[in-house]
Each structure stands twice: as structure tokens, then as C-alpha cells.
C-alpha atoms as a PDB file:
ATOM      1  CA  MET A   1     109.737 112.288 155.135  1.00  0.00           C
ATOM      2  CA  ALA A   2     107.166 110.290 156.036  1.00  0.00           C
ATOM      3  CA  ASN A   3     106.512 110.007 159.890  1.00  0.00           C
ATOM      4  CA  GLN A   4     106.772 106.451 160.551  1.00  0.00           C
ATOM      5  CA  GLU A   5     105.346 106.311 163.957  1.00  0.00           C
ATOM      6  CA  LYS A   6     102.228 108.329 162.860  1.00  0.00           C
ATOM      7  CA  VAL A   7     101.872 105.907 159.903  1.00  0.00           C
ATOM      8  CA  GLU A   8     101.989 103.107 162.368  1.00  0.00           C
ATOM      9  CA  GLN A   9      99.781 104.623 164.556  1.00  0.00           C
ATOM     10  CA  ALA A  10      97.332 105.449 161.766  1.00  0.00           C
ATOM     11  CA  VAL A  11      97.328 101.740 160.317  1.00  0.00           C
ATOM     12  CA  TYR A  12      96.972 100.382 163.879  1.00  0.00           C
ATOM     13  CA  GLN A  13      93.724 102.518 164.085  1.00  0.00           C
ATOM     14  CA  LEU A  14      92.542 101.922 160.744  1.00  0.00           C
ATOM     15  CA  LEU A  15      92.820  97.939 161.461  1.00  0.00           C
ATOM     16  CA  GLU A  16      90.862  98.531 164.823  1.00  0.00           C
ATOM     17  CA  ALA A  17      88.154 100.569 162.999  1.00  0.00           C
ATOM     18  CA  LEU A  18      87.813  97.873 160.385  1.00  0.00           C
ATOM     19  CA  GLY A  19      86.997  95.467 163.563  1.00  0.00           C
ATOM     20  CA  GLU A  20      90.410  93.891 163.123  1.00  0.00           C
ATOM     21  CA  ASN A  21      92.566  93.091 166.262  1.00  0.00           C
ATOM     22  CA  PRO A  22      95.688  94.729 165.368  1.00  0.00           C
ATOM     23  CA  GLU A  23      97.239  92.453 168.508  1.00  0.00           C
ATOM     24  CA  ARG A  24      96.627  89.028 166.799  1.00  0.00           C
ATOM     25  CA  GLU A  25      99.500  87.123 165.587  1.00  0.00           C
ATOM     26  CA  GLY A  26      98.962  87.835 161.757  1.00  0.00           C
ATOM     27  CA  LEU A  27      98.787  91.777 162.068  1.00  0.00           C
ATOM     28  CA  LEU A  28     101.195  92.189 164.884  1.00  0.00           C
ATOM     29  CA  ASP A  29     103.751  93.734 162.513  1.00  0.00           C
ATOM     30  CA  THR A  30     101.780  94.931 159.707  1.00  0.00           C
ATOM     31  CA  PRO A  31     101.653  98.749 161.080  1.00  0.00           C
ATOM     32  CA  LYS A  32     105.225  98.650 160.734  1.00  0.00           C
ATOM     33  CA  ARG A  33     105.335  96.993 157.407  1.00  0.00           C
ATOM     34  CA  VAL A  34     102.780  99.274 155.788  1.00  0.00           C
ATOM     35  CA  ALA A  35     104.703 102.208 157.190  1.00  0.00           C
ATOM     36  CA  LYS A  36     107.843 100.936 155.592  1.00  0.00           C
ATOM     37  CA  MET A  37     105.907 100.292 152.443  1.00  0.00           C
ATOM     38  CA  TYR A  38     104.108 103.721 152.096  1.00  0.00           C
ATOM     39  CA  ALA A  39     107.798 105.279 152.736  1.00  0.00           C
ATOM     40  CA  GLU A  40     109.014 103.993 149.726  1.00  0.00           C
ATOM     41  CA  MET A  41     105.903 104.054 147.510  1.00  0.00           C
ATOM     42  CA  PHE A  42     105.878 107.722 148.573  1.00  0.00           C
ATOM     43  CA  SER A  43     109.485 108.910 148.271  1.00  0.00           C
ATOM     44  CA  GLY A  44     109.043 110.674 145.510  1.00  0.00           C
ATOM     45  CA  LEU A  45     106.821 113.095 147.750  1.00  0.00           C
ATOM     46  CA  ASN A  46     110.273 114.995 148.527  1.00  0.00           C
ATOM     47  CA  GLU A  47     111.588 115.128 144.934  1.00  0.00           C
ATOM     48  CA  ASP A  48     111.063 117.036 141.688  1.00  0.00           C
ATOM     49  CA  PRO A  49     111.362 114.947 138.540  1.00  0.00           C
ATOM     50  CA  LYS A  50     113.139 117.721 136.837  1.00  0.00           C
ATOM     51  CA  ASP A  51     115.900 117.484 139.433  1.00  0.00           C
ATOM     52  CA  GLN A  52     116.734 113.985 137.598  1.00  0.00           C
ATOM     53  CA  PHE A  53     118.091 115.590 134.714  1.00  0.00           C
ATOM     54  CA  THR A  54     121.662 115.825 136.070  1.00  0.00           C
ATOM     55  CA  ALA A  55     123.033 114.347 132.756  1.00  0.00           C
ATOM     56  CA  VAL A  56     122.938 116.959 130.170  1.00  0.00           C
ATOM     57  CA  PHE A  57     125.515 116.403 127.227  1.00  0.00           C
ATOM     58  CA  SER A  58     126.331 118.438 124.253  1.00  0.00           C
ATOM     59  CA  GLU A  59     125.525 116.438 121.196  1.00  0.00           C
ATOM     60  CA  VAL A  60     124.269 117.659 117.910  1.00  0.00           C
ATOM     61  CA  HIS A  61     121.160 115.537 117.391  1.00  0.00           C
ATOM     62  CA  ASP A  62     117.868 117.122 116.098  1.00  0.00           C
ATOM     63  CA  GLU A  63     115.693 113.941 115.575  1.00  0.00           C
ATOM     64  CA  VAL A  64     113.463 112.218 118.208  1.00  0.00           C
ATOM     65  CA  VAL A  65     114.710 110.472 121.448  1.00  0.00           C
ATOM     66  CA  LEU A  66     112.214 108.153 122.620  1.00  0.00           C
ATOM     67  CA  VAL A  67     112.356 105.712 125.575  1.00  0.00           C
ATOM     68  CA  LYS A  68     109.604 103.506 125.163  1.00  0.00           C
ATOM     69  CA  ASP A  69     107.803 100.856 127.839  1.00  0.00           C
ATOM     70  CA  ILE A  70     109.480 102.413 130.846  1.00  0.00           C
ATOM     71  CA  PRO A  71     107.677 100.380 133.899  1.00  0.00           C
ATOM     72  CA  PHE A  72     106.002 101.910 136.867  1.00  0.00           C
ATOM     73  CA  TYR A  73     103.561 102.125 139.548  1.00  0.00           C
ATOM     74  CA  SER A  74     101.762 104.616 141.857  1.00  0.00           C
ATOM     75  CA  MET A  75      99.027 105.015 144.192  1.00  0.00           C
ATOM     76  CA  CYS A  76      95.806 106.871 143.156  1.00  0.00           C
ATOM     77  CA  GLU A  77      95.020 109.651 145.594  1.00  0.00           C
ATOM     78  CA  HIS A  78      91.600 108.896 145.708  1.00  0.00           C
ATOM     79  CA  HIS A  79      91.463 105.562 147.107  1.00  0.00           C
ATOM     80  CA  LEU A  80      95.199 104.782 148.200  1.00  0.00           C
ATOM     81  CA  VAL A  81      95.481 101.681 145.891  1.00  0.00           C
ATOM     82  CA  PRO A  82      97.827 100.972 143.091  1.00  0.00           C
ATOM     83  CA  PHE A  83      98.042 101.951 139.196  1.00  0.00           C
ATOM     84  CA  TYR A  84     100.494 100.516 137.247  1.00  0.00           C
ATOM     85  CA  GLY A  85     101.620 100.430 133.563  1.00  0.00           C
ATOM     86  CA  LYS A  86     104.184 102.112 131.188  1.00  0.00           C
ATOM     87  CA  ALA A  87     105.347 105.256 130.287  1.00  0.00           C
ATOM     88  CA  HIS A  88     106.641 106.358 126.795  1.00  0.00           C
ATOM     89  CA  VAL A  89     109.009 109.710 126.879  1.00  0.00           C
ATOM     90  CA  ALA A  90     110.091 111.281 123.715  1.00  0.00           C
ATOM     91  CA  TYR A  91     111.653 114.818 123.053  1.00  0.00           C
ATOM     92  CA  LEU A  92     113.170 116.551 120.209  1.00  0.00           C
ATOM     93  CA  PRO A  93     116.081 118.114 120.935  1.00  0.00           C
ATOM     94  CA  SER A  94     116.676 121.736 120.741  1.00  0.00           C
ATOM     95  CA  GLY A  95     120.622 122.872 119.901  1.00  0.00           C
ATOM     96  CA  ASP A  96     123.121 120.470 121.345  1.00  0.00           C
ATOM     97  CA  LYS A  97     121.434 119.620 124.515  1.00  0.00           C
ATOM     98  CA  VAL A  98     120.703 115.743 125.287  1.00  0.00           C
ATOM     99  CA  THR A  99     120.528 113.942 128.570  1.00  0.00           C
ATOM    100  CA  GLY A 100     121.092 110.323 129.539  1.00  0.00           C
ATOM    101  CA  LEU A 101     118.411 108.020 128.712  1.00  0.00           C
ATOM    102  CA  SER A 102     118.113 106.478 132.174  1.00  0.00           C
ATOM    103  CA  LYS A 103     117.021 109.909 133.258  1.00  0.00           C
ATOM    104  CA  LEU A 104     113.792 109.808 131.383  1.00  0.00           C
ATOM    105  CA  ALA A 105     112.831 106.537 133.397  1.00  0.00           C
ATOM    106  CA  ARG A 106     114.135 108.324 136.684  1.00  0.00           C
ATOM    107  CA  ALA A 107     111.555 111.281 136.115  1.00  0.00           C
ATOM    108  CA  VAL A 108     108.664 108.997 135.361  1.00  0.00           C
ATOM    109  CA  GLU A 109     109.700 107.278 138.916  1.00  0.00           C
ATOM    110  CA  VAL A 110     109.845 110.291 140.858  1.00  0.00           C
ATOM    111  CA  ALA A 111     106.768 111.656 139.450  1.00  0.00           C
ATOM    112  CA  ALA A 112     104.913 107.910 140.044  1.00  0.00           C
ATOM    113  CA  ARG A 113     106.080 107.564 143.584  1.00  0.00           C
ATOM    114  CA  ARG A 114     103.638 109.537 145.385  1.00  0.00           C
ATOM    115  CA  PRO A 115      99.851 109.769 145.609  1.00  0.00           C
ATOM    116  CA  GLN A 116      99.075 110.575 142.122  1.00  0.00           C
ATOM    117  CA  LEU A 117      96.493 110.934 139.237  1.00  0.00           C
ATOM    118  CA  GLN A 118      97.643 109.603 136.098  1.00  0.00           C
ATOM    119  CA  GLU A 119      96.810 112.541 134.247  1.00  0.00           C
ATOM    120  CA  ARG A 120      99.300 114.925 136.616  1.00  0.00           C
ATOM    121  CA  LEU A 121     101.832 112.397 136.399  1.00  0.00           C
ATOM    122  CA  THR A 122     101.856 112.449 132.455  1.00  0.00           C
ATOM    123  CA  ASP A 123     102.183 116.231 132.925  1.00  0.00           C
ATOM    124  CA  GLN A 124     104.950 116.369 135.438  1.00  0.00           C
ATOM    125  CA  VAL A 125     106.953 114.313 133.395  1.00  0.00           C
ATOM    126  CA  ALA A 126     106.484 116.124 130.256  1.00  0.00           C
ATOM    127  CA  THR A 127     106.987 119.463 132.339  1.00  0.00           C
ATOM    128  CA  ALA A 128     109.955 118.410 133.991  1.00  0.00           C
ATOM    129  CA  LEU A 129     111.851 117.567 130.695  1.00  0.00           C
ATOM    130  CA  GLU A 130     110.537 120.797 129.123  1.00  0.00           C
ATOM    131  CA  GLU A 131     112.268 122.708 131.956  1.00  0.00           C
ATOM    132  CA  ALA A 132     115.221 120.843 132.099  1.00  0.00           C
ATOM    133  CA  LEU A 133     116.240 120.811 128.466  1.00  0.00           C
ATOM    134  CA  ASN A 134     113.859 123.205 126.535  1.00  0.00           C
ATOM    135  CA  PRO A 135     113.525 121.006 123.924  1.00  0.00           C
ATOM    136  CA  ARG A 136     111.851 121.878 120.521  1.00  0.00           C
ATOM    137  CA  GLY A 137     108.973 119.374 121.346  1.00  0.00           C
ATOM    138  CA  VAL A 138     107.949 116.891 124.226  1.00  0.00           C
ATOM    139  CA  PHE A 139     105.769 114.213 124.225  1.00  0.00           C
ATOM    140  CA  VAL A 140     104.538 111.519 126.979  1.00  0.00           C
ATOM    141  CA  MET A 141     102.123 108.841 126.922  1.00  0.00           C
ATOM    142  CA  VAL A 142     101.146 106.994 129.999  1.00  0.00           C
ATOM    143  CA  GLU A 143      99.139 103.232 129.974  1.00  0.00           C
ATOM    144  CA  ALA A 144      98.087 102.098 133.204  1.00  0.00           C
ATOM    145  CA  GLU A 145      95.822  99.635 134.863  1.00  0.00           C
ATOM    146  CA  HIS A 146      93.835 101.054 138.138  1.00  0.00           C
ATOM    147  CA  MET A 147      93.380  98.973 140.684  1.00  0.00           C
ATOM    148  CA  CYS A 148      90.473 101.030 141.834  1.00  0.00           C
ATOM    149  CA  MET A 149      88.381  99.671 138.567  1.00  0.00           C
ATOM    150  CA  THR A 150      89.521  96.338 139.109  1.00  0.00           C
ATOM    151  CA  MET A 151      88.847  95.426 142.732  1.00  0.00           C
ATOM    152  CA  ARG A 152      85.904  98.093 143.531  1.00  0.00           C
ATOM    153  CA  GLY A 153      83.356  99.965 141.644  1.00  0.00           C
ATOM    154  CA  ILE A 154      83.196  99.178 138.054  1.00  0.00           C
ATOM    155  CA  LYS A 155      85.289  96.000 138.623  1.00  0.00           C
ATOM    156  CA  LYS A 156      86.727  95.773 135.125  1.00  0.00           C
ATOM    157  CA  PRO A 157      90.107  94.248 135.148  1.00  0.00           C
ATOM    158  CA  GLY A 158      92.543  94.755 132.135  1.00  0.00           C
ATOM    159  CA  SER A 159      91.023  97.953 130.960  1.00  0.00           C
ATOM    160  CA  LYS A 160      93.518 100.509 130.251  1.00  0.00           C
ATOM    161  CA  THR A 161      93.979 104.455 130.497  1.00  0.00           C
ATOM    162  CA  ILE A 162      95.889 106.152 128.285  1.00  0.00           C
ATOM    163  CA  THR A 163      96.969 109.935 128.865  1.00  0.00           C
ATOM    164  CA  THR A 164      99.154 112.084 126.735  1.00  0.00           C
ATOM    165  CA  VAL A 165     100.699 115.296 127.090  1.00  0.00           C
ATOM    166  CA  ALA A 166     102.240 117.111 124.158  1.00  0.00           C
ATOM    167  CA  LYS A 167     104.282 120.438 124.116  1.00  0.00           C
ATOM    168  CA  GLY A 168     106.436 122.398 121.669  1.00  0.00           C
ATOM    169  CA  LEU A 169     106.279 121.107 118.186  1.00  0.00           C
ATOM    170  CA  TYR A 170     104.344 117.948 119.110  1.00  0.00           C
ATOM    171  CA  LYS A 171     101.326 120.360 120.247  1.00  0.00           C
ATOM    172  CA  GLU A 172     101.645 122.428 117.244  1.00  0.00           C
ATOM    173  CA  ASP A 173     102.303 120.120 114.210  1.00  0.00           C
ATOM    174  CA  ARG A 174     100.019 117.545 113.619  1.00  0.00           C
ATOM    175  CA  GLU A 175     102.251 115.658 111.271  1.00  0.00           C
ATOM    176  CA  GLU A 176     105.039 115.444 113.946  1.00  0.00           C
ATOM    177  CA  ARG A 177     102.594 114.444 116.875  1.00  0.00           C
ATOM    178  CA  LYS A 178     101.361 111.372 113.792  1.00  0.00           C
ATOM    179  CA  GLU A 179     104.793 110.427 113.777  1.00  0.00           C
ATOM    180  CA  ILE A 180     105.639 110.206 117.502  1.00  0.00           C
ATOM    181  CA  LEU A 181     102.443 108.522 118.178  1.00  0.00           C
ATOM    182  CA  SER A 182     103.171 105.776 115.581  1.00  0.00           C
ATOM    183  CA  LEU A 183     106.757 105.224 117.225  1.00  0.00           C
ATOM    184  CA  MET A 184     105.382 104.684 120.451  1.00  0.00           C
ATOM    185  CA  ARG A 185     102.660 102.028 119.204  1.00  0.00           C
ATOM    186  CA  ASP A 186     105.112 100.369 116.532  1.00  0.00           C
ATOM    187  CA  PHE A 187     107.507  97.938 117.367  1.00  0.00           C
END
């Protein structure tokens, strides 16, 4: 759990270090607002994406389950500015184990709500799904725009970064991988 008081003090000191007056009218409540925002944005620090798969059902289904276009936002751990986009999460059930569709989106949200790297976020979602359900295959694709590339440095708004993680059958079988990629890109 975030220490609100410490975060407020740090924001106050940051404003001072930047040459701002934290006591001026427009900034008086900024440390408190930022602390509250960070508590929300980093709420995933104390959660495990795997714990989101609480609803597991017995259902004989041996074809792909795919939830596309799951919106998310996260904070780049290198610059503490947002990156945001959408995740596509797919798995091939094993035996008779499926999970609630909303659980896939919840796992993405928990992994995103922490200082993060897109590559790690992608892997955390895939690993959580693999550990929770032991499916025959998992494939996760994340597409995101990074404000650290838009606002600073190279300044290239609109550029997207795509990361993928394939496990099980999707890692081993090129045709299965090609099919899931086609489903994620189409429609």
C-alpha cells in the first residue's frame, strides 16, 4: 500500500526542486491529488495477475478463446509517464478448464497498474494465464503508445510498440501461431 503522506511530501519537494512554488493557489492541493492518483495507478503492485483467475469452469472446449482490444494504461518505469493501448489475450483450453472472460481483462489491468515495461506486462499476463489454467497454449499481444516517445526524446506521437508472448502450442507450432495472429489482426 502506498504511503500517501510520503508521496505528498515527495511531490511537494519535486515542485520546489523544479523551481515552482508549491504554496501558490494552483498547486496547493497538487501533492494530495498526485498521491491519490498514484495510489490508484499503482494499485496492482500489491496484487498478482494470476489471482484474477478465480472463476474457473468445467467446460469441454478445445478451440481458441480470445478476448481482443482490452484497453489499458500503465506507467513507464523509466520515466514515470503513461503508456497506453490494448491487449489481446488468447488461450487454448486444456481438458475442461475455462475461465470467465472478464478475468482475462482483469489480469491485464492488474499487471498494468504498476511501474512497468511493456515487455514485462505482456509476459506477466501470459504467465499468469498459463499458471492458473495450464492451457495447451497461450498467446498475448500488447500494442501501446508510449508518452516517453511522444512527449520527450524522439518525439514521435502515434508510433506504436507491439510485444508478444507465446507459450505452449503457440510457441511450438508455427501454423497455430499464424492462425492466432490472424485472428488478433482481423475483424
